[in-house]
Amino acid sequence: MKKDKNFPWTAVNTAITMGVVFVISIGGAVLLGRWLDARYGTAPWGFITITFLVFILVMIYITFKSLDLMNQIEREGEEDKHAQ
């Protein structure tokens, strides 16, 4: 198998993508929670609930994305062992 010369940049890109997903998702959840609290007078429960749920979902996404990346690296390592 041909070595991927762009691997470090692929890993950096994945890390940046996960960070951006985290920041945008949590930021959106905070804004939505505050808006719901202001509209329905439920402060602080809308903010807390929405932010907590989105945080859990983002952590699940990051976990699965990281596991997928680790499995890909492991598969490439096994292919390299068999190619030699």
PDB file of N, CA and C in Angstrom:
ATOM      1  N   MET A   1       0.833  -1.184   0.000  1.00  0.00           N
ATOM      2  CA  MET A   1       0.000   0.000   0.000  1.00  0.00           C
ATOM      3  C   MET A   1       0.878   1.247   0.000  1.00  0.00           C
ATOM      4  N   LYS A   2       0.458   2.226  -0.751  1.00  0.00           N
ATOM      5  CA  LYS A   2       1.211   3.469  -0.856  1.00  0.00           C
ATOM      6  C   LYS A   2       0.996   4.319   0.399  1.00  0.00           C
ATOM      7  N   LYS A   3       2.094   4.823   0.937  1.00  0.00           N
ATOM      8  CA  LYS A   3       2.009   5.685   2.116  1.00  0.00           C
ATOM      9  C   LYS A   3       1.338   7.006   1.731  1.00  0.00           C
ATOM     10  N   ASP A   4       0.439   7.460   2.582  1.00  0.00           N
ATOM     11  CA  ASP A   4      -0.245   8.725   2.362  1.00  0.00           C
ATOM     12  C   ASP A   4       0.613   9.849   2.933  1.00  0.00           C
ATOM     13  N   LYS A   5       1.166  10.672   2.048  1.00  0.00           N
ATOM     14  CA  LYS A   5       2.043  11.754   2.495  1.00  0.00           C
ATOM     15  C   LYS A   5       1.257  12.876   3.176  1.00  0.00           C
ATOM     16  N   ASN A   6      -0.049  12.892   2.966  1.00  0.00           N
ATOM     17  CA  ASN A   6      -0.881  13.942   3.555  1.00  0.00           C
ATOM     18  C   ASN A   6      -1.487  13.524   4.891  1.00  0.00           C
ATOM     19  N   PHE A   7      -1.046  12.383   5.443  1.00  0.00           N
ATOM     20  CA  PHE A   7      -1.666  11.885   6.674  1.00  0.00           C
ATOM     21  C   PHE A   7      -1.647  12.900   7.812  1.00  0.00           C
ATOM     22  N   PRO A   8      -0.533  13.564   8.095  1.00  0.00           N
ATOM     23  CA  PRO A   8      -0.600  14.521   9.216  1.00  0.00           C
ATOM     24  C   PRO A   8      -1.655  15.594   8.980  1.00  0.00           C
ATOM     25  N   TRP A   9      -1.792  16.045   7.739  1.00  0.00           N
ATOM     26  CA  TRP A   9      -2.771  17.092   7.449  1.00  0.00           C
ATOM     27  C   TRP A   9      -4.193  16.549   7.509  1.00  0.00           C
ATOM     28  N   THR A  10      -4.371  15.281   7.186  1.00  0.00           N
ATOM     29  CA  THR A  10      -5.687  14.656   7.320  1.00  0.00           C
ATOM     30  C   THR A  10      -6.086  14.605   8.789  1.00  0.00           C
ATOM     31  N   ALA A  11      -5.151  14.253   9.650  1.00  0.00           N
ATOM     32  CA  ALA A  11      -5.432  14.204  11.088  1.00  0.00           C
ATOM     33  C   ALA A  11      -5.733  15.601  11.630  1.00  0.00           C
ATOM     34  N   VAL A  12      -4.989  16.591  11.189  1.00  0.00           N
ATOM     35  CA  VAL A  12      -5.232  17.977  11.617  1.00  0.00           C
ATOM     36  C   VAL A  12      -6.608  18.426  11.151  1.00  0.00           C
ATOM     37  N   ASN A  13      -6.948  18.093   9.908  1.00  0.00           N
ATOM     38  CA  ASN A  13      -8.256  18.458   9.362  1.00  0.00           C
ATOM     39  C   ASN A  13      -9.382  17.825  10.177  1.00  0.00           C
ATOM     40  N   THR A  14      -9.225  16.561  10.549  1.00  0.00           N
ATOM     41  CA  THR A  14     -10.235  15.874  11.352  1.00  0.00           C
ATOM     42  C   THR A  14     -10.372  16.531  12.720  1.00  0.00           C
ATOM     43  N   ALA A  15      -9.260  16.878  13.341  1.00  0.00           N
ATOM     44  CA  ALA A  15      -9.296  17.521  14.659  1.00  0.00           C
ATOM     45  C   ALA A  15      -9.972  18.889  14.579  1.00  0.00           C
ATOM     46  N   ILE A  16      -9.661  19.656  13.561  1.00  0.00           N
ATOM     47  CA  ILE A  16     -10.268  20.971  13.396  1.00  0.00           C
ATOM     48  C   ILE A  16     -11.768  20.830  13.149  1.00  0.00           C
ATOM     49  N   THR A  17     -12.147  19.856  12.321  1.00  0.00           N
ATOM     50  CA  THR A  17     -13.560  19.626  12.035  1.00  0.00           C
ATOM     51  C   THR A  17     -14.324  19.280  13.299  1.00  0.00           C
ATOM     52  N   MET A  18     -13.760  18.399  14.127  1.00  0.00           N
ATOM     53  CA  MET A  18     -14.437  18.038  15.380  1.00  0.00           C
ATOM     54  C   MET A  18     -14.545  19.237  16.313  1.00  0.00           C
ATOM     55  N   GLY A  19     -13.522  20.070  16.359  1.00  0.00           N
ATOM     56  CA  GLY A  19     -13.572  21.271  17.190  1.00  0.00           C
ATOM     57  C   GLY A  19     -14.627  22.251  16.723  1.00  0.00           C
ATOM     58  N   VAL A  20     -14.706  22.428  15.408  1.00  0.00           N
ATOM     59  CA  VAL A  20     -15.708  23.343  14.856  1.00  0.00           C
ATOM     60  C   VAL A  20     -17.114  22.812  15.114  1.00  0.00           C
ATOM     61  N   VAL A  21     -17.316  21.516  14.930  1.00  0.00           N
ATOM     62  CA  VAL A  21     -18.628  20.912  15.213  1.00  0.00           C
ATOM     63  C   VAL A  21     -18.997  21.150  16.675  1.00  0.00           C
ATOM     64  N   PHE A  22     -18.048  20.969  17.575  1.00  0.00           N
ATOM     65  CA  PHE A  22     -18.302  21.169  19.007  1.00  0.00           C
ATOM     66  C   PHE A  22     -18.701  22.617  19.294  1.00  0.00           C
ATOM     67  N   VAL A  23     -17.914  23.554  18.808  1.00  0.00           N
ATOM     68  CA  VAL A  23     -18.158  24.974  19.113  1.00  0.00           C
ATOM     69  C   VAL A  23     -19.485  25.446  18.528  1.00  0.00           C
ATOM     70  N   ILE A  24     -19.748  25.107  17.262  1.00  0.00           N
ATOM     71  CA  ILE A  24     -20.981  25.564  16.620  1.00  0.00           C
ATOM     72  C   ILE A  24     -22.201  24.919  17.274  1.00  0.00           C
ATOM     73  N   SER A  25     -22.109  23.629  17.568  1.00  0.00           N
ATOM     74  CA  SER A  25     -23.246  22.935  18.178  1.00  0.00           C
ATOM     75  C   SER A  25     -23.566  23.471  19.568  1.00  0.00           C
ATOM     76  N   ILE A  26     -22.558  23.613  20.399  1.00  0.00           N
ATOM     77  CA  ILE A  26     -22.787  24.118  21.758  1.00  0.00           C
ATOM     78  C   ILE A  26     -23.231  25.584  21.715  1.00  0.00           C
ATOM     79  N   GLY A  27     -22.616  26.370  20.846  1.00  0.00           N
ATOM     80  CA  GLY A  27     -23.027  27.768  20.711  1.00  0.00           C
ATOM     81  C   GLY A  27     -24.481  27.888  20.263  1.00  0.00           C
ATOM     82  N   GLY A  28     -24.870  27.076  19.291  1.00  0.00           N
ATOM     83  CA  GLY A  28     -26.263  27.079  18.838  1.00  0.00           C
ATOM     84  C   GLY A  28     -27.216  26.628  19.932  1.00  0.00           C
ATOM     85  N   ALA A  29     -26.800  25.631  20.704  1.00  0.00           N
ATOM     86  CA  ALA A  29     -27.639  25.143  21.803  1.00  0.00           C
ATOM     87  C   ALA A  29     -27.830  26.215  22.869  1.00  0.00           C
ATOM     88  N   VAL A  30     -26.769  26.942  23.172  1.00  0.00           N
ATOM     89  CA  VAL A  30     -26.859  28.017  24.162  1.00  0.00           C
ATOM     90  C   VAL A  30     -27.833  29.089  23.679  1.00  0.00           C
ATOM     91  N   LEU A  31     -27.688  29.491  22.425  1.00  0.00           N
ATOM     92  CA  LEU A  31     -28.587  30.516  21.887  1.00  0.00           C
ATOM     93  C   LEU A  31     -30.034  30.034  21.851  1.00  0.00           C
ATOM     94  N   LEU A  32     -30.254  28.798  21.411  1.00  0.00           N
ATOM     95  CA  LEU A  32     -31.606  28.246  21.364  1.00  0.00           C
ATOM     96  C   LEU A  32     -32.201  28.141  22.762  1.00  0.00           C
ATOM     97  N   GLY A  33     -31.414  27.669  23.717  1.00  0.00           N
ATOM     98  CA  GLY A  33     -31.900  27.551  25.089  1.00  0.00           C
ATOM     99  C   GLY A  33     -32.273  28.888  25.694  1.00  0.00           C
ATOM    100  N   ARG A  34     -31.442  29.888  25.450  1.00  0.00           N
ATOM    101  CA  ARG A  34     -31.752  31.227  25.977  1.00  0.00           C
ATOM    102  C   ARG A  34     -32.997  31.798  25.321  1.00  0.00           C
ATOM    103  N   TRP A  35     -33.143  31.575  24.010  1.00  0.00           N
ATOM    104  CA  TRP A  35     -34.318  32.063  23.288  1.00  0.00           C
ATOM    105  C   TRP A  35     -35.585  31.391  23.830  1.00  0.00           C
ATOM    106  N   LEU A  36     -35.520  30.056  24.016  1.00  0.00           N
ATOM    107  CA  LEU A  36     -36.681  29.346  24.562  1.00  0.00           C
ATOM    108  C   LEU A  36     -37.033  29.842  25.964  1.00  0.00           C
ATOM    109  N   ASP A  37     -36.019  30.079  26.779  1.00  0.00           N
ATOM    110  CA  ASP A  37     -36.264  30.599  28.127  1.00  0.00           C
ATOM    111  C   ASP A  37     -36.921  31.973  28.082  1.00  0.00           C
ATOM    112  N   ALA A  38     -36.457  32.837  27.192  1.00  0.00           N
ATOM    113  CA  ALA A  38     -37.028  34.176  27.084  1.00  0.00           C
ATOM    114  C   ALA A  38     -38.461  34.114  26.556  1.00  0.00           C
ATOM    115  N   ARG A  39     -38.711  33.236  25.619  1.00  0.00           N
ATOM    116  CA  ARG A  39     -40.041  33.148  24.997  1.00  0.00           C
ATOM    117  C   ARG A  39     -41.076  32.536  25.942  1.00  0.00           C
ATOM    118  N   TYR A  40     -40.695  31.486  26.661  1.00  0.00           N
ATOM    119  CA  TYR A  40     -41.655  30.763  27.486  1.00  0.00           C
ATOM    120  C   TYR A  40     -41.487  31.001  28.991  1.00  0.00           C
ATOM    121  N   GLY A  41     -40.500  31.789  29.373  1.00  0.00           N
ATOM    122  CA  GLY A  41     -40.300  32.111  30.782  1.00  0.00           C
ATOM    123  C   GLY A  41     -39.901  30.910  31.633  1.00  0.00           C
ATOM    124  N   THR A  42     -39.081  30.039  31.074  1.00  0.00           N
ATOM    125  CA  THR A  42     -38.682  28.823  31.778  1.00  0.00           C
ATOM    126  C   THR A  42     -37.251  28.869  32.300  1.00  0.00           C
ATOM    127  N   ALA A  43     -36.676  30.054  32.376  1.00  0.00           N
ATOM    128  CA  ALA A  43     -35.267  30.185  32.748  1.00  0.00           C
ATOM    129  C   ALA A  43     -34.978  29.482  34.055  1.00  0.00           C
ATOM    130  N   PRO A  44     -33.907  28.800  34.188  1.00  0.00           N
ATOM    131  CA  PRO A  44     -32.838  28.465  33.246  1.00  0.00           C
ATOM    132  C   PRO A  44     -32.999  27.080  32.613  1.00  0.00           C
ATOM    133  N   TRP A  45     -34.181  26.478  32.724  1.00  0.00           N
ATOM    134  CA  TRP A  45     -34.324  25.072  32.358  1.00  0.00           C
ATOM    135  C   TRP A  45     -34.191  24.800  30.868  1.00  0.00           C
ATOM    136  N   GLY A  46     -34.667  25.671  30.021  1.00  0.00           N
ATOM    137  CA  GLY A  46     -34.499  25.471  28.578  1.00  0.00           C
ATOM    138  C   GLY A  46     -33.025  25.499  28.202  1.00  0.00           C
ATOM    139  N   PHE A  47     -32.323  26.482  28.725  1.00  0.00           N
ATOM    140  CA  PHE A  47     -30.884  26.616  28.475  1.00  0.00           C
ATOM    141  C   PHE A  47     -30.124  25.376  28.939  1.00  0.00           C
ATOM    142  N   ILE A  48     -30.385  24.944  30.157  1.00  0.00           N
ATOM    143  CA  ILE A  48     -29.677  23.796  30.726  1.00  0.00           C
ATOM    144  C   ILE A  48     -30.000  22.527  29.951  1.00  0.00           C
ATOM    145  N   THR A  49     -31.270  22.296  29.677  1.00  0.00           N
ATOM    146  CA  THR A  49     -31.692  21.069  29.009  1.00  0.00           C
ATOM    147  C   THR A  49     -31.139  20.969  27.592  1.00  0.00           C
ATOM    148  N   ILE A  50     -31.321  22.007  26.796  1.00  0.00           N
ATOM    149  CA  ILE A  50     -30.863  21.989  25.403  1.00  0.00           C
ATOM    150  C   ILE A  50     -29.341  21.863  25.352  1.00  0.00           C
ATOM    151  N   THR A  51     -28.644  22.634  26.163  1.00  0.00           N
ATOM    152  CA  THR A  51     -27.182  22.584  26.153  1.00  0.00           C
ATOM    153  C   THR A  51     -26.673  21.208  26.575  1.00  0.00           C
ATOM    154  N   PHE A  52     -27.275  20.616  27.585  1.00  0.00           N
ATOM    155  CA  PHE A  52     -26.865  19.289  28.047  1.00  0.00           C
ATOM    156  C   PHE A  52     -27.107  18.235  26.963  1.00  0.00           C
ATOM    157  N   LEU A  53     -28.278  18.245  26.348  1.00  0.00           N
ATOM    158  CA  LEU A  53     -28.585  17.266  25.303  1.00  0.00           C
ATOM    159  C   LEU A  53     -27.646  17.391  24.109  1.00  0.00           C
ATOM    160  N   VAL A  54     -27.389  18.609  23.677  1.00  0.00           N
ATOM    161  CA  VAL A  54     -26.490  18.810  22.538  1.00  0.00           C
ATOM    162  C   VAL A  54     -25.068  18.407  22.916  1.00  0.00           C
ATOM    163  N   PHE A  55     -24.647  18.697  24.130  1.00  0.00           N
ATOM    164  CA  PHE A  55     -23.319  18.288  24.577  1.00  0.00           C
ATOM    165  C   PHE A  55     -23.176  16.770  24.503  1.00  0.00           C
ATOM    166  N   ILE A  56     -24.174  16.042  24.980  1.00  0.00           N
ATOM    167  CA  ILE A  56     -24.135  14.572  24.938  1.00  0.00           C
ATOM    168  C   ILE A  56     -24.075  14.092  23.493  1.00  0.00           C
ATOM    169  N   LEU A  57     -24.888  14.657  22.616  1.00  0.00           N
ATOM    170  CA  LEU A  57     -24.889  14.251  21.204  1.00  0.00           C
ATOM    171  C   LEU A  57     -23.549  14.539  20.529  1.00  0.00           C
ATOM    172  N   VAL A  58     -22.954  15.677  20.823  1.00  0.00           N
ATOM    173  CA  VAL A  58     -21.657  16.017  20.239  1.00  0.00           C
ATOM    174  C   VAL A  58     -20.570  15.077  20.758  1.00  0.00           C
ATOM    175  N   MET A  59     -20.618  14.732  22.024  1.00  0.00           N
ATOM    176  CA  MET A  59     -19.634  13.789  22.570  1.00  0.00           C
ATOM    177  C   MET A  59     -19.775  12.412  21.915  1.00  0.00           C
ATOM    178  N   ILE A  60     -21.001  11.977  21.653  1.00  0.00           N
ATOM    179  CA  ILE A  60     -21.221  10.705  20.963  1.00  0.00           C
ATOM    180  C   ILE A  60     -20.655  10.783  19.550  1.00  0.00           C
ATOM    181  N   TYR A  61     -20.909  11.893  18.852  1.00  0.00           N
ATOM    182  CA  TYR A  61     -20.383  12.078  17.494  1.00  0.00           C
ATOM    183  C   TYR A  61     -18.852  12.028  17.498  1.00  0.00           C
ATOM    184  N   ILE A  62     -18.233  12.755  18.401  1.00  0.00           N
ATOM    185  CA  ILE A  62     -16.770  12.800  18.459  1.00  0.00           C
ATOM    186  C   ILE A  62     -16.207  11.424  18.806  1.00  0.00           C
ATOM    187  N   THR A  63     -16.870  10.700  19.696  1.00  0.00           N
ATOM    188  CA  THR A  63     -16.413   9.357  20.058  1.00  0.00           C
ATOM    189  C   THR A  63     -16.437   8.429  18.851  1.00  0.00           C
ATOM    190  N   PHE A  64     -17.559   8.395  18.139  1.00  0.00           N
ATOM    191  CA  PHE A  64     -17.654   7.515  16.969  1.00  0.00           C
ATOM    192  C   PHE A  64     -16.699   7.932  15.860  1.00  0.00           C
ATOM    193  N   LYS A  65     -16.527   9.219  15.650  1.00  0.00           N
ATOM    194  CA  LYS A  65     -15.597   9.710  14.632  1.00  0.00           C
ATOM    195  C   LYS A  65     -14.164   9.316  14.994  1.00  0.00           C
ATOM    196  N   SER A  66     -13.802   9.429  16.271  1.00  0.00           N
ATOM    197  CA  SER A  66     -12.462   9.051  16.721  1.00  0.00           C
ATOM    198  C   SER A  66     -12.237   7.553  16.590  1.00  0.00           C
ATOM    199  N   LEU A  67     -13.234   6.751  16.971  1.00  0.00           N
ATOM    200  CA  LEU A  67     -13.119   5.304  16.823  1.00  0.00           C
ATOM    201  C   LEU A  67     -12.966   4.903  15.357  1.00  0.00           C
ATOM    202  N   ASP A  68     -13.708   5.561  14.476  1.00  0.00           N
ATOM    203  CA  ASP A  68     -13.596   5.283  13.049  1.00  0.00           C
ATOM    204  C   ASP A  68     -12.195   5.610  12.540  1.00  0.00           C
ATOM    205  N   LEU A  69     -11.639   6.741  12.974  1.00  0.00           N
ATOM    206  CA  LEU A  69     -10.291   7.129  12.560  1.00  0.00           C
ATOM    207  C   LEU A  69      -9.249   6.146  13.100  1.00  0.00           C
ATOM    208  N   MET A  70      -9.403   5.705  14.347  1.00  0.00           N
ATOM    209  CA  MET A  70      -8.460   4.736  14.920  1.00  0.00           C
ATOM    210  C   MET A  70      -8.542   3.399  14.192  1.00  0.00           C
ATOM    211  N   ASN A  71      -9.751   2.970  13.839  1.00  0.00           N
ATOM    212  CA  ASN A  71      -9.899   1.724  13.080  1.00  0.00           C
ATOM    213  C   ASN A  71      -9.275   1.833  11.698  1.00  0.00           C
ATOM    214  N   GLN A  72      -9.410   2.984  11.066  1.00  0.00           N
ATOM    215  CA  GLN A  72      -8.797   3.204   9.758  1.00  0.00           C
ATOM    216  C   GLN A  72      -7.274   3.132   9.860  1.00  0.00           C
ATOM    217  N   ILE A  73      -6.709   3.740  10.873  1.00  0.00           N
ATOM    218  CA  ILE A  73      -5.259   3.706  11.074  1.00  0.00           C
ATOM    219  C   ILE A  73      -4.802   2.277  11.340  1.00  0.00           C
ATOM    220  N   GLU A  74      -5.569   1.535  12.137  1.00  0.00           N
ATOM    221  CA  GLU A  74      -5.220   0.148  12.437  1.00  0.00           C
ATOM    222  C   GLU A  74      -5.277  -0.718  11.174  1.00  0.00           C
ATOM    223  N   ARG A  75      -6.304  -0.532  10.353  1.00  0.00           N
ATOM    224  CA  ARG A  75      -6.414  -1.294   9.097  1.00  0.00           C
ATOM    225  C   ARG A  75      -5.236  -0.999   8.173  1.00  0.00           C
ATOM    226  N   GLU A  76      -4.857   0.268   8.085  1.00  0.00           N
ATOM    227  CA  GLU A  76      -3.727   0.634   7.231  1.00  0.00           C
ATOM    228  C   GLU A  76      -2.433   0.025   7.760  1.00  0.00           C
ATOM    229  N   GLY A  77      -2.294  -0.032   9.085  1.00  0.00           N
ATOM    230  CA  GLY A  77      -1.114  -0.662   9.669  1.00  0.00           C
ATOM    231  C   GLY A  77      -1.058  -2.150   9.366  1.00  0.00           C
ATOM    232  N   GLU A  78      -2.211  -2.812   9.447  1.00  0.00           N
ATOM    233  CA  GLU A  78      -2.265  -4.248   9.124  1.00  0.00           C
ATOM    234  C   GLU A  78      -1.957  -4.478   7.646  1.00  0.00           C
ATOM    235  N   GLU A  79      -2.457  -3.623   6.776  1.00  0.00           N
ATOM    236  CA  GLU A  79      -2.178  -3.761   5.338  1.00  0.00           C
ATOM    237  C   GLU A  79      -0.690  -3.565   5.054  1.00  0.00           C
ATOM    238  N   ASP A  80      -0.065  -2.638   5.771  1.00  0.00           N
ATOM    239  CA  ASP A  80       1.365  -2.405   5.601  1.00  0.00           C
ATOM    240  C   ASP A  80       2.176  -3.628   6.049  1.00  0.00           C
ATOM    241  N   LYS A  81       1.753  -4.283   7.134  1.00  0.00           N
ATOM    242  CA  LYS A  81       2.453  -5.489   7.615  1.00  0.00           C
ATOM    243  C   LYS A  81       2.355  -6.608   6.599  1.00  0.00           C
ATOM    244  N   HIS A  82       1.180  -6.768   5.993  1.00  0.00           N
ATOM    245  CA  HIS A  82       0.987  -7.843   5.029  1.00  0.00           C
ATOM    246  C   HIS A  82       1.662  -7.556   3.695  1.00  0.00           C
ATOM    247  N   ALA A  83       1.863  -6.279   3.385  1.00  0.00           N
ATOM    248  CA  ALA A  83       2.504  -5.906   2.118  1.00  0.00           C
ATOM    249  C   ALA A  83       3.999  -6.164   2.148  1.00  0.00           C
ATOM    250  N   GLN A  84       4.586  -6.222   3.327  1.00  0.00           N
ATOM    251  CA  GLN A  84       6.037  -6.378   3.429  1.00  0.00           C
ATOM    252  C   GLN A  84       6.439  -7.782   3.337  1.00  0.00           C
TER     253      GLN A  84
END
